C-alpha atoms as a PDB file:
ATOM      1  CA  MET A   1     -69.711-100.470   2.789  1.00  0.00           C
ATOM      2  CA  THR A   2     -68.759 -97.553   4.867  1.00  0.00           C
ATOM      3  CA  PHE A   3     -67.323 -94.524   3.150  1.00  0.00           C
ATOM      4  CA  ALA A   4     -64.858 -92.062   4.738  1.00  0.00           C
ATOM      5  CA  HIS A   5     -66.601 -89.159   6.448  1.00  0.00           C
ATOM      6  CA  ASP A   6     -65.502 -86.570   3.906  1.00  0.00           C
ATOM      7  CA  ILE A   7     -66.794 -88.703   1.036  1.00  0.00           C
ATOM      8  CA  GLU A   8     -70.198 -89.191   2.762  1.00  0.00           C
ATOM      9  CA  VAL A   9     -70.534 -85.442   3.457  1.00  0.00           C
ATOM     10  CA  SER A  10     -69.658 -84.646  -0.150  1.00  0.00           C
ATOM     11  CA  LEU A  11     -72.364 -87.093  -1.385  1.00  0.00           C
ATOM     12  CA  VAL A  12     -74.969 -85.736   1.030  1.00  0.00           C
ATOM     13  CA  TRP A  13     -73.897 -82.205   0.021  1.00  0.00           C
ATOM     14  CA  SER A  14     -74.344 -83.080  -3.696  1.00  0.00           C
ATOM     15  CA  ALA A  15     -77.889 -84.253  -3.032  1.00  0.00           C
ATOM     16  CA  ALA A  16     -78.666 -81.117  -0.897  1.00  0.00           C
ATOM     17  CA  LEU A  17     -77.353 -78.815  -3.645  1.00  0.00           C
ATOM     18  CA  ILE A  18     -79.334 -80.600  -6.348  1.00  0.00           C
ATOM     19  CA  ASN A  19     -82.394 -80.445  -4.215  1.00  0.00           C
ATOM     20  CA  THR A  20     -82.197 -76.678  -3.894  1.00  0.00           C
ATOM     21  CA  GLU A  21     -84.235 -76.727  -7.126  1.00  0.00           C
ATOM     22  CA  ARG A  22     -87.224 -78.954  -6.903  1.00  0.00           C
ATOM     23  CA  ASN A  23     -90.280 -79.282  -9.076  1.00  0.00           C
ATOM     24  CA  GLY A  24     -89.282 -76.005 -10.758  1.00  0.00           C
ATOM     25  CA  GLU A  25     -89.001 -74.093  -7.512  1.00  0.00           C
ATOM     26  CA  GLU A  26     -85.750 -72.176  -6.804  1.00  0.00           C
ATOM     27  CA  LEU A  27     -84.727 -72.655  -3.192  1.00  0.00           C
ATOM     28  CA  LEU A  28     -81.261 -71.207  -3.492  1.00  0.00           C
ATOM     29  CA  SER A  29     -82.703 -67.728  -3.684  1.00  0.00           C
ATOM     30  CA  ASP A  30     -79.717 -65.439  -2.685  1.00  0.00           C
ATOM     31  CA  PRO A  31     -76.120 -65.447  -1.581  1.00  0.00           C
ATOM     32  CA  ALA A  32     -77.085 -65.526   2.094  1.00  0.00           C
ATOM     33  CA  THR A  33     -79.148 -68.803   1.516  1.00  0.00           C
ATOM     34  CA  LEU A  34     -76.056 -70.325  -0.165  1.00  0.00           C
ATOM     35  CA  ASP A  35     -73.898 -69.121   2.679  1.00  0.00           C
ATOM     36  CA  ALA A  36     -76.246 -70.782   5.223  1.00  0.00           C
ATOM     37  CA  LEU A  37     -76.134 -74.057   3.204  1.00  0.00           C
ATOM     38  CA  LEU A  38     -72.366 -73.942   3.043  1.00  0.00           C
ATOM     39  CA  ASP A  39     -72.235 -73.396   6.861  1.00  0.00           C
ATOM     40  CA  GLU A  40     -74.596 -76.337   7.385  1.00  0.00           C
ATOM     41  CA  TYR A  41     -72.126 -78.626   5.600  1.00  0.00           C
ATOM     42  CA  GLU A  42     -69.049 -76.951   7.225  1.00  0.00           C
ATOM     43  CA  TRP A  43     -67.494 -75.745   3.964  1.00  0.00           C
ATOM     44  CA  THR A  44     -64.249 -73.902   4.533  1.00  0.00           C
ATOM     45  CA  GLY A  45     -62.200 -71.740   2.132  1.00  0.00           C
ATOM     46  CA  ARG A  46     -63.046 -68.827  -0.085  1.00  0.00           C
ATOM     47  CA  ARG A  47     -66.580 -67.452  -0.338  1.00  0.00           C
ATOM     48  CA  ASP A  48     -67.213 -64.375  -2.392  1.00  0.00           C
ATOM     49  CA  GLY A  49     -70.861 -64.070  -1.420  1.00  0.00           C
ATOM     50  CA  THR A  50     -71.742 -62.467  -4.725  1.00  0.00           C
ATOM     51  CA  PRO A  51     -74.666 -62.968  -7.081  1.00  0.00           C
ATOM     52  CA  ILE A  52     -72.169 -64.214  -9.661  1.00  0.00           C
ATOM     53  CA  GLU A  53     -70.893 -66.898  -7.299  1.00  0.00           C
ATOM     54  CA  LEU A  54     -74.497 -67.881  -6.538  1.00  0.00           C
ATOM     55  CA  GLU A  55     -75.283 -68.197 -10.195  1.00  0.00           C
ATOM     56  CA  GLN A  56     -72.164 -70.345 -10.826  1.00  0.00           C
ATOM     57  CA  VAL A  57     -73.260 -72.732  -8.124  1.00  0.00           C
ATOM     58  CA  ARG A  58     -76.786 -72.849  -9.408  1.00  0.00           C
ATOM     59  CA  GLN A  59     -75.466 -73.681 -12.867  1.00  0.00           C
ATOM     60  CA  LEU A  60     -73.608 -76.668 -11.440  1.00  0.00           C
ATOM     61  CA  ARG A  61     -76.761 -78.395 -10.369  1.00  0.00           C
ATOM     62  CA  PRO A  62     -77.830 -79.876 -13.756  1.00  0.00           C
ATOM     63  CA  ALA A  63     -74.425 -81.395 -14.261  1.00  0.00           C
ATOM     64  CA  LEU A  64     -74.633 -83.025 -10.837  1.00  0.00           C
ATOM     65  CA  ARG A  65     -78.181 -84.294 -11.497  1.00  0.00           C
ATOM     66  CA  ARG A  66     -77.073 -85.774 -14.772  1.00  0.00           C
ATOM     67  CA  MET A  67     -74.318 -87.615 -12.883  1.00  0.00           C
ATOM     68  CA  TRP A  68     -76.875 -88.803 -10.357  1.00  0.00           C
ATOM     69  CA  LEU A  69     -79.149 -90.072 -13.140  1.00  0.00           C
ATOM     70  CA  PHE A  70     -76.307 -91.447 -15.302  1.00  0.00           C
ATOM     71  CA  ALA A  71     -77.356 -93.339 -18.426  1.00  0.00           C
ATOM     72  CA  ASP A  72     -74.255 -95.529 -18.591  1.00  0.00           C
ATOM     73  CA  LEU A  73     -71.066 -95.988 -16.684  1.00  0.00           C
ATOM     74  CA  ASP A  74     -68.737 -94.738 -19.433  1.00  0.00           C
ATOM     75  CA  SER A  75     -70.561 -91.396 -19.720  1.00  0.00           C
ATOM     76  CA  LEU A  76     -70.580 -90.995 -15.949  1.00  0.00           C
ATOM     77  CA  VAL A  77     -66.881 -91.600 -15.736  1.00  0.00           C
ATOM     78  CA  GLY A  78     -66.343 -89.083 -18.505  1.00  0.00           C
ATOM     79  CA  ASP A  79     -68.438 -86.527 -16.622  1.00  0.00           C
ATOM     80  CA  VAL A  80     -66.515 -87.258 -13.340  1.00  0.00           C
ATOM     81  CA  ASN A  81     -63.199 -86.865 -15.086  1.00  0.00           C
ATOM     82  CA  THR A  82     -64.304 -83.585 -16.726  1.00  0.00           C
ATOM     83  CA  MET A  83     -65.497 -82.245 -13.395  1.00  0.00           C
ATOM     84  CA  LEU A  84     -62.258 -83.298 -11.734  1.00  0.00           C
ATOM     85  CA  GLY A  85     -60.324 -81.335 -14.336  1.00  0.00           C
ATOM     86  CA  ASP A  86     -62.589 -78.319 -14.316  1.00  0.00           C
ATOM     87  CA  GLY A  87     -62.435 -78.266 -10.559  1.00  0.00           C
ATOM     88  CA  HIS A  88     -58.661 -78.431 -10.640  1.00  0.00           C
ATOM     89  CA  ALA A  89     -58.688 -81.313  -8.181  1.00  0.00           C
ATOM     90  CA  ALA A  90     -55.420 -81.596  -6.266  1.00  0.00           C
ATOM     91  CA  PRO A  91     -56.006 -83.741  -3.196  1.00  0.00           C
ATOM     92  CA  ARG A  92     -54.297 -82.925   0.085  1.00  0.00           C
ATOM     93  CA  LEU A  93     -54.835 -83.903   3.720  1.00  0.00           C
ATOM     94  CA  ALA A  94     -56.357 -81.323   6.008  1.00  0.00           C
ATOM     95  CA  ARG A  95     -57.674 -81.079   9.603  1.00  0.00           C
ATOM     96  CA  HIS A  96     -59.949 -78.382  11.043  1.00  0.00           C
ATOM     97  CA  GLY A  97     -62.903 -78.027  13.450  1.00  0.00           C
ATOM     98  CA  ASP A  98     -64.151 -81.332  14.719  1.00  0.00           C
ATOM     99  CA  TRP A  99     -63.024 -83.126  11.618  1.00  0.00           C
ATOM    100  CA  GLY A 100     -60.013 -85.457  11.898  1.00  0.00           C
ATOM    101  CA  TRP A 101     -57.699 -85.820   8.960  1.00  0.00           C
ATOM    102  CA  HIS A 102     -59.591 -85.834   5.662  1.00  0.00           C
ATOM    103  CA  LEU A 103     -59.120 -84.930   2.075  1.00  0.00           C
ATOM    104  CA  HIS A 104     -59.532 -81.416   0.601  1.00  0.00           C
ATOM    105  CA  VAL A 105     -59.322 -81.761  -3.105  1.00  0.00           C
ATOM    106  CA  SER A 106     -58.720 -78.116  -4.003  1.00  0.00           C
ATOM    107  CA  GLN A 107     -57.071 -75.044  -2.692  1.00  0.00           C
ATOM    108  CA  ASP A 108     -58.933 -72.981  -0.118  1.00  0.00           C
ATOM    109  CA  ALA A 109     -58.441 -69.923  -2.199  1.00  0.00           C
ATOM    110  CA  ALA A 110     -59.949 -71.499  -5.318  1.00  0.00           C
ATOM    111  CA  PRO A 111     -63.344 -70.197  -6.475  1.00  0.00           C
ATOM    112  CA  LEU A 112     -66.240 -71.885  -4.616  1.00  0.00           C
ATOM    113  CA  VAL A 113     -67.714 -73.484  -7.744  1.00  0.00           C
ATOM    114  CA  GLU A 114     -64.377 -75.123  -8.531  1.00  0.00           C
ATOM    115  CA  ARG A 115     -64.078 -76.497  -5.035  1.00  0.00           C
ATOM    116  CA  ILE A 116     -67.596 -77.866  -5.174  1.00  0.00           C
ATOM    117  CA  MET A 117     -66.877 -79.461  -8.519  1.00  0.00           C
ATOM    118  CA  ALA A 118     -63.690 -81.116  -7.190  1.00  0.00           C
ATOM    119  CA  GLU A 119     -65.271 -82.349  -3.975  1.00  0.00           C
ATOM    120  CA  CYS A 120     -68.341 -83.777  -5.607  1.00  0.00           C
ATOM    121  CA  ALA A 121     -66.321 -85.397  -8.461  1.00  0.00           C
ATOM    122  CA  VAL A 122     -64.046 -87.153  -5.954  1.00  0.00           C
ATOM    123  CA  ALA A 123     -67.136 -88.467  -4.119  1.00  0.00           C
ATOM    124  CA  PHE A 124     -68.625 -89.794  -7.395  1.00  0.00           C
ATOM    125  CA  ALA A 125     -65.258 -91.306  -8.290  1.00  0.00           C
ATOM    126  CA  GLU A 126     -65.313 -93.168  -5.033  1.00  0.00           C
ATOM    127  CA  LEU A 127     -68.736 -94.508  -5.855  1.00  0.00           C
ATOM    128  CA  VAL A 128     -67.580 -95.710  -9.221  1.00  0.00           C
ATOM    129  CA  ARG A 129     -64.333 -97.151  -7.827  1.00  0.00           C
ATOM    130  CA  THR A 130     -66.125 -99.126  -5.132  1.00  0.00           C
ATOM    131  CA  ASP A 131     -69.052-100.180  -7.300  1.00  0.00           C
ATOM    132  CA  GLN A 132     -71.555 -98.416  -5.115  1.00  0.00           C
ATOM    133  CA  LEU A 133     -73.520 -96.408  -7.748  1.00  0.00           C
ATOM    134  CA  ASN A 134     -76.712 -98.101  -6.635  1.00  0.00           C
ATOM    135  CA  ARG A 135     -76.593 -95.750  -3.613  1.00  0.00           C
ATOM    136  CA  LEU A 136     -77.686 -92.896  -5.920  1.00  0.00           C
ATOM    137  CA  LYS A 137     -81.489 -92.791  -5.908  1.00  0.00           C
ATOM    138  CA  LEU A 138     -84.543 -90.721  -6.671  1.00  0.00           C
ATOM    139  CA  CYS A 139     -87.163 -90.110  -4.006  1.00  0.00           C
ATOM    140  CA  GLU A 140     -89.934 -92.608  -4.444  1.00  0.00           C
ATOM    141  CA  ALA A 141     -92.725 -90.222  -3.310  1.00  0.00           C
ATOM    142  CA  ASP A 142     -95.267 -89.164  -5.979  1.00  0.00           C
ATOM    143  CA  GLU A 143     -94.592 -85.703  -7.347  1.00  0.00           C
ATOM    144  CA  CYS A 144     -91.096 -85.439  -5.800  1.00  0.00           C
ATOM    145  CA  ASP A 145     -88.089 -85.077  -7.969  1.00  0.00           C
ATOM    146  CA  ALA A 146     -85.505 -84.894  -5.230  1.00  0.00           C
ATOM    147  CA  VAL A 147     -82.399 -87.079  -5.242  1.00  0.00           C
ATOM    148  CA  LEU A 148     -80.956 -88.978  -2.262  1.00  0.00           C
ATOM    149  CA  ILE A 149     -77.854 -90.854  -1.331  1.00  0.00           C
ATOM    150  CA  ASP A 150     -78.647 -94.080   0.371  1.00  0.00           C
ATOM    151  CA  LEU A 151     -75.993 -94.635   3.012  1.00  0.00           C
ATOM    152  CA  SER A 152     -77.900 -97.340   4.853  1.00  0.00           C
ATOM    153  CA  ARG A 153     -76.274-100.685   5.285  1.00  0.00           C
ATOM    154  CA  ASN A 154     -78.957-102.589   3.416  1.00  0.00           C
ATOM    155  CA  ARG A 155     -79.576 -99.903   0.787  1.00  0.00           C
ATOM    156  CA  SER A 156     -83.285 -99.628   1.720  1.00  0.00           C
ATOM    157  CA  ARG A 157     -83.739 -95.860   1.839  1.00  0.00           C
ATOM    158  CA  ARG A 158     -86.559 -94.750  -0.393  1.00  0.00           C
ATOM    159  CA  PHE A 159     -87.393 -91.159   0.459  1.00  0.00           C
ATOM    160  CA  CYS A 160     -85.509 -87.834   0.456  1.00  0.00           C
ATOM    161  CA  ASP A 161     -84.969 -85.439   3.400  1.00  0.00           C
ATOM    162  CA  THR A 162     -86.482 -82.423   1.695  1.00  0.00           C
ATOM    163  CA  GLY A 163     -89.867 -82.725   3.320  1.00  0.00           C
ATOM    164  CA  ASN A 164     -92.080 -85.368   4.701  1.00  0.00           C
ATOM    165  CA  CYS A 165     -92.117 -87.632   1.628  1.00  0.00           C
ATOM    166  CA  GLY A 166     -91.808 -90.858   3.545  1.00  0.00           C
ATOM    167  CA  ASN A 167     -94.420 -89.971   6.121  1.00  0.00           C
ATOM    168  CA  ARG A 168     -96.871 -88.626   3.412  1.00  0.00           C
ATOM    169  CA  THR A 169     -96.417 -91.818   1.412  1.00  0.00           C
ATOM    170  CA  ASN A 170     -96.902 -94.058   4.446  1.00  0.00           C
ATOM    171  CA  VAL A 171     -99.952 -92.231   5.580  1.00  0.00           C
ATOM    172  CA  ALA A 172    -101.477 -92.358   2.105  1.00  0.00           C
ATOM    173  CA  ALA A 173    -100.792 -96.130   1.942  1.00  0.00           C
ATOM    174  CA  TYR A 174    -102.382 -96.568   5.412  1.00  0.00           C
ATOM    175  CA  ARG A 175    -105.527 -94.621   4.461  1.00  0.00           C
ATOM    176  CA  ALA A 176    -105.828 -96.585   1.221  1.00  0.00           C
ATOM    177  CA  ARG A 177    -105.566 -99.889   3.111  1.00  0.00           C
ATOM    178  CA  LYS A 178    -108.134 -98.642   5.643  1.00  0.00           C
ATOM    179  CA  ARG A 179    -110.553 -97.639   2.796  1.00  0.00           C
ATOM    180  CA  ARG A 180    -110.186-101.053   1.209  1.00  0.00           C
ATOM    181  CA  ARG A 181    -110.830-102.793   4.455  1.00  0.00           C
ATOM    182  CA  SER A 182    -113.967-100.749   5.142  1.00  0.00           C
ATOM    183  CA  THR A 183    -115.444-101.531   1.696  1.00  0.00           C
ATOM    184  CA  THR A 184    -114.945-105.236   2.032  1.00  0.00           C
END
Protein backbone atom coordinates (compact mmCIF):
# COMPACT_ATOMS: atom_id res chain seq x y z
CA MET A 1 0.00 0.00 0.00
CA THR A 2 1.23 3.45 -0.84
CA PHE A 3 0.31 6.31 1.44
CA ALA A 4 -0.14 9.90 0.39
CA HIS A 5 3.12 11.85 0.62
CA ASP A 6 1.96 13.97 3.57
CA ILE A 7 1.00 10.85 5.55
CA GLU A 8 4.37 9.22 4.84
CA VAL A 9 6.23 12.36 5.89
CA SER A 10 4.21 12.57 9.12
CA LEU A 11 4.97 8.93 9.92
CA VAL A 12 8.69 9.38 9.22
CA TRP A 13 8.61 12.62 11.24
CA SER A 14 6.99 10.79 14.16
CA ALA A 15 9.79 8.23 14.17
CA ALA A 16 12.44 10.94 13.88
CA LEU A 17 10.95 12.87 16.79
CA ILE A 18 10.69 9.76 18.99
CA ASN A 19 14.27 8.88 18.10
CA THR A 20 15.60 12.22 19.37
CA GLU A 21 15.70 10.45 22.71
CA ARG A 22 17.52 7.12 22.48
CA ASN A 23 18.94 4.87 25.13
CA GLY A 24 18.50 7.67 27.67
CA GLU A 25 20.40 10.22 25.58
CA GLU A 26 18.73 13.56 24.78
CA LEU A 27 19.41 14.52 21.18
CA LEU A 28 16.90 17.39 21.00
CA SER A 29 19.20 19.60 23.01
CA ASP A 30 18.05 23.14 22.28
CA PRO A 31 15.57 25.20 20.23
CA ALA A 32 18.06 25.47 17.34
CA THR A 33 18.26 21.67 17.09
CA LEU A 34 14.47 21.47 17.02
CA ASP A 35 14.37 24.18 14.37
CA ALA A 36 16.85 22.22 12.22
CA LEU A 37 14.74 19.07 12.56
CA LEU A 38 11.62 21.00 11.58
CA ASP A 39 13.43 22.43 8.56
CA GLU A 40 14.58 18.94 7.53
CA TYR A 41 10.94 17.82 7.37
CA GLU A 42 9.72 21.09 5.82
CA TRP A 43 7.39 22.12 8.65
CA THR A 44 5.59 25.35 7.94
CA GLY A 45 3.70 27.61 10.29
CA ARG A 46 4.36 29.14 13.66
CA ARG A 47 7.57 28.45 15.53
CA ASP A 48 8.28 30.28 18.75
CA GLY A 49 11.82 28.94 19.12
CA THR A 50 11.61 29.08 22.89
CA PRO A 51 12.78 26.66 25.57
CA ILE A 52 9.09 26.24 26.53
CA GLU A 53 8.19 25.14 23.00
CA LEU A 54 11.16 22.74 22.98
CA GLU A 55 10.02 21.20 26.26
CA GLN A 56 6.45 20.82 24.99
CA VAL A 57 7.72 18.94 21.94
CA ARG A 58 9.98 16.76 24.10
CA GLN A 59 7.02 15.91 26.33
CA LEU A 60 5.11 14.66 23.29
CA ARG A 61 7.63 11.87 22.58
CA PRO A 62 6.42 9.39 25.24
CA ALA A 63 2.83 9.61 23.95
CA LEU A 64 4.02 8.99 20.39
CA ARG A 65 6.19 6.07 21.53
CA ARG A 66 3.20 4.56 23.38
CA MET A 67 1.18 4.81 20.18
CA TRP A 68 4.03 3.14 18.29
CA LEU A 69 4.15 0.30 20.82
CA PHE A 70 0.39 0.06 21.29
CA ALA A 71 -0.85 -2.83 23.42
CA ASP A 72 -4.23 -3.18 21.76
CA LEU A 73 -6.13 -1.51 18.97
CA ASP A 74 -8.83 0.01 21.20
CA SER A 75 -6.29 1.81 23.38
CA LEU A 76 -4.42 3.03 20.29
CA VAL A 77 -7.62 4.38 18.76
CA GLY A 78 -8.38 6.13 22.04
CA ASP A 79 -4.91 7.70 22.08
CA VAL A 80 -5.25 8.78 18.43
CA ASN A 81 -8.64 10.35 19.09
CA THR A 82 -7.33 12.14 22.18
CA MET A 83 -4.38 13.51 20.22
CA LEU A 84 -6.66 14.62 17.38
CA GLY A 85 -8.74 16.54 19.90
CA ASP A 86 -5.80 17.98 21.84
CA GLY A 87 -4.19 19.00 18.55
CA HIS A 88 -7.42 20.71 17.44
CA ALA A 89 -7.29 18.86 14.12
CA ALA A 90 -9.17 20.71 11.40
CA PRO A 91 -8.07 19.32 8.01
CA ARG A 92 -7.68 21.65 5.04
CA LEU A 93 -5.95 21.45 1.69
CA ALA A 94 -2.71 23.38 1.26
CA ARG A 95 0.05 23.76 -1.32
CA HIS A 96 3.52 25.24 -0.77
CA GLY A 97 7.12 24.72 -1.80
CA ASP A 98 7.62 21.64 -3.95
CA TRP A 99 4.62 19.91 -2.40
CA GLY A 100 1.47 19.50 -4.42
CA TRP A 101 -1.92 19.61 -2.79
CA HIS A 102 -1.86 17.93 0.61
CA LEU A 103 -3.58 18.09 3.96
CA HIS A 104 -2.65 20.43 6.75
CA VAL A 105 -4.62 19.38 9.77
CA SER A 106 -4.24 22.49 11.91
CA GLN A 107 -3.94 26.21 11.51
CA ASP A 108 -0.48 27.61 10.71
CA ALA A 109 -0.75 29.98 13.69
CA ALA A 110 -1.49 27.14 16.16
CA PRO A 111 1.24 26.29 18.66
CA LEU A 112 3.84 23.89 17.26
CA VAL A 113 3.07 21.08 19.70
CA GLU A 114 -0.62 21.16 18.70
CA ARG A 115 0.29 21.01 15.01
CA ILE A 116 2.63 18.08 15.64
CA MET A 117 -0.08 16.26 17.60
CA ALA A 118 -2.64 16.80 14.86
CA GLU A 119 -0.32 15.75 12.01
CA CYS A 120 0.93 12.65 13.79
CA ALA A 121 -2.55 11.62 14.95
CA VAL A 122 -3.92 11.86 11.40
CA ALA A 123 -1.04 9.68 10.16
CA PHE A 124 -1.72 7.08 12.86
CA ALA A 125 -5.43 7.24 12.05
CA GLU A 126 -4.57 6.41 8.45
CA LEU A 127 -2.57 3.36 9.61
CA VAL A 128 -5.55 2.18 11.66
CA ARG A 129 -8.05 2.91 8.89
CA THR A 130 -6.03 1.01 6.27
CA ASP A 131 -5.02 -1.85 8.61
CA GLN A 132 -1.30 -1.08 8.19
CA LEU A 133 -0.20 -0.97 11.84
CA ASN A 134 2.35 -3.72 11.14
CA ARG A 135 4.46 -0.99 9.52
CA LEU A 136 5.27 0.38 13.00
CA LYS A 137 8.44 -1.39 14.14
CA LEU A 138 11.32 -1.30 16.56
CA CYS A 139 14.89 -1.47 15.30
CA GLU A 140 16.08 -5.07 15.51
CA ALA A 141 19.69 -4.15 16.31
CA ASP A 142 20.95 -5.12 19.73
CA GLU A 143 21.01 -2.23 22.20
CA CYS A 144 18.97 0.10 19.97
CA ASP A 145 15.60 1.34 21.16
CA ALA A 146 14.81 3.40 18.05
CA VAL A 147 11.51 3.09 16.21
CA LEU A 148 11.01 2.94 12.46
CA ILE A 149 8.21 3.07 9.95
CA ASP A 150 8.48 0.36 7.34
CA LEU A 151 7.28 1.86 4.07
CA SER A 152 8.80 -0.91 1.94
CA ARG A 153 6.43 -2.84 -0.30
CA ASN A 154 7.18 -6.17 1.30
CA ARG A 155 7.41 -4.85 4.87
CA SER A 156 10.94 -6.20 5.25
CA ARG A 157 12.68 -3.23 6.84
CA ARG A 158 14.39 -4.22 10.09
CA PHE A 159 16.72 -1.42 11.11
CA CYS A 160 16.39 2.28 11.94
CA ASP A 161 18.04 5.25 10.25
CA THR A 162 19.59 6.61 13.43
CA GLY A 163 23.02 5.12 12.93
CA ASN A 164 24.54 2.13 11.28
CA CYS A 165 22.37 -0.48 12.97
CA GLY A 166 21.83 -2.60 9.87
CA ASN A 167 25.47 -2.46 8.87
CA ARG A 168 26.72 -3.24 12.39
CA THR A 169 24.33 -6.19 12.70
CA ASN A 170 25.28 -7.58 9.30
CA VAL A 171 29.01 -7.22 9.99
CA ALA A 172 28.63 -8.94 13.36
CA ALA A 173 26.68 -11.80 11.74
CA TYR A 174 29.34 -12.13 9.03
CA ARG A 175 32.14 -12.24 11.59
CA ALA A 176 30.26 -14.84 13.65
CA ARG A 177 29.79 -17.02 10.55
CA LYS A 178 33.45 -16.62 9.69
CA ARG A 179 34.49 -17.65 13.23
CA ARG A 180 32.22 -20.72 13.08
CA ARG A 181 33.72 -21.76 9.73
CA SER A 182 37.28 -21.36 10.98
CA THR A 183 36.63 -23.54 14.03
CA THR A 184 35.09 -26.40 12.05
